[in-house]
Amino acid sequence: MCLAIPSKVVAIDTINNIATLDTLGVTREASLDLMSEEIHIGDYVLLHIGYVMGKIDKEQAKLSLETYTEIIKTLEEEERELKESMR
C-alpha cells in the first residue's frame, strides 16, 4: 500500500523545481517534476516518495492530517503499553 501525505507548501525553488513542505511539523523538500498544475506557497499538496503528486483541498488535507495524527498517537500508545508489559 502506498500513501500520499498531505503537506503544506512553505517555499518554492523555481530554479531547481523543488518545493519545501511542512508535513505534521516536519520540513522536507520534494520535487515538482511530476506536477502539471501550478502551486503556490500556502497550497496543500500530496507528497509521495519525494515527489509532489497533486494539489489537495485545504479542508480535505486537514481531515487527512487529523487522521494521520490519530494513527500516530495510537501507535505510540500501543508501543508504550508493550514496553510496560515487558518490564
Protein backbone atom coordinates (compact mmCIF):
# COMPACT_ATOMS: atom_id res chain seq x y z
CA MET A 1 0.00 0.00 0.00
CA CYS A 2 1.27 3.46 -0.88
CA LEU A 3 0.41 6.61 1.00
CA ALA A 4 0.48 10.17 -0.21
CA ILE A 5 0.76 12.55 2.72
CA PRO A 6 -0.91 15.98 2.66
CA SER A 7 1.69 18.70 3.15
CA LYS A 8 1.67 22.48 3.12
CA VAL A 9 3.92 24.33 0.67
CA VAL A 10 6.14 26.74 2.61
CA ALA A 11 8.66 27.67 -0.11
CA ILE A 12 9.23 27.09 -3.80
CA ASP A 13 12.60 26.93 -5.59
CA THR A 14 11.65 27.61 -9.22
CA ILE A 15 15.21 27.21 -10.49
CA ASN A 16 15.50 23.60 -9.24
CA ASN A 17 11.74 22.88 -9.41
CA ILE A 18 11.61 21.91 -5.72
CA ALA A 19 9.06 22.75 -3.03
CA THR A 20 9.75 22.92 0.67
CA LEU A 21 6.87 21.28 2.50
CA ASP A 22 5.64 21.10 6.08
CA THR A 23 4.25 17.69 6.97
CA LEU A 24 2.97 17.50 10.55
CA GLY A 25 5.73 19.87 11.67
CA VAL A 26 8.50 18.16 9.70
CA THR A 27 10.04 20.20 6.88
CA ARG A 28 11.29 18.43 3.77
CA GLU A 29 11.97 19.14 0.13
CA ALA A 30 10.12 17.45 -2.73
CA SER A 31 10.42 17.52 -6.48
CA LEU A 32 7.78 19.31 -8.53
CA ASP A 33 8.76 17.43 -11.71
CA LEU A 34 5.51 15.42 -11.79
CA MET A 35 3.23 18.44 -11.32
CA SER A 36 1.30 19.73 -14.31
CA GLU A 37 -0.55 22.43 -12.39
CA GLU A 38 0.94 25.50 -10.76
CA ILE A 39 1.31 25.55 -6.99
CA HIS A 40 1.80 28.45 -4.61
CA ILE A 41 3.06 28.97 -1.09
CA GLY A 42 0.23 28.03 1.27
CA ASP A 43 -1.23 25.37 -1.04
CA TYR A 44 -1.69 21.83 0.23
CA VAL A 45 -0.27 19.05 -1.90
CA LEU A 46 0.09 15.29 -1.77
CA LEU A 47 3.64 14.09 -1.09
CA HIS A 48 4.73 10.62 -2.14
CA ILE A 49 8.32 9.28 -2.08
CA GLY A 50 9.90 12.70 -2.57
CA TYR A 51 7.54 13.96 -5.27
CA VAL A 52 4.59 16.31 -5.17
CA MET A 53 1.78 14.37 -6.85
CA GLY A 54 -1.01 16.96 -6.93
CA LYS A 55 -2.91 19.65 -5.09
CA ILE A 56 -5.42 18.84 -2.39
CA ASP A 57 -8.20 20.96 -0.96
CA LYS A 58 -7.25 22.62 2.34
CA GLU A 59 -10.16 21.10 4.27
CA GLN A 60 -9.52 17.62 2.89
CA ALA A 61 -5.83 17.99 3.79
CA LYS A 62 -6.71 18.97 7.35
CA LEU A 63 -9.03 15.98 7.74
CA SER A 64 -6.36 13.61 6.43
CA LEU A 65 -3.72 15.12 8.72
CA GLU A 66 -6.04 14.71 11.71
CA THR A 67 -6.40 11.03 10.82
CA TYR A 68 -2.61 10.62 10.49
CA THR A 69 -2.18 12.29 13.88
CA GLU A 70 -4.68 9.89 15.48
CA ILE A 71 -2.90 6.89 13.93
CA ILE A 72 0.49 8.09 15.20
CA LYS A 73 -0.93 8.66 18.69
CA THR A 74 -2.47 5.17 18.75
CA LEU A 75 0.77 3.55 17.59
CA GLU A 76 2.77 5.42 20.24
CA GLU A 77 0.31 4.34 22.96
CA GLU A 78 0.49 0.72 21.82
CA GLU A 79 4.29 0.82 21.80
CA ARG A 80 4.35 2.33 25.30
CA GLU A 81 1.94 -0.35 26.59
CA LEU A 82 4.05 -3.10 25.01
CA LYS A 83 7.22 -1.77 26.64
CA GLU A 84 5.49 -1.55 30.02
CA SER A 85 4.21 -5.12 29.74
CA MET A 86 7.74 -6.37 29.04
CA ARG A 87 9.11 -4.95 32.30
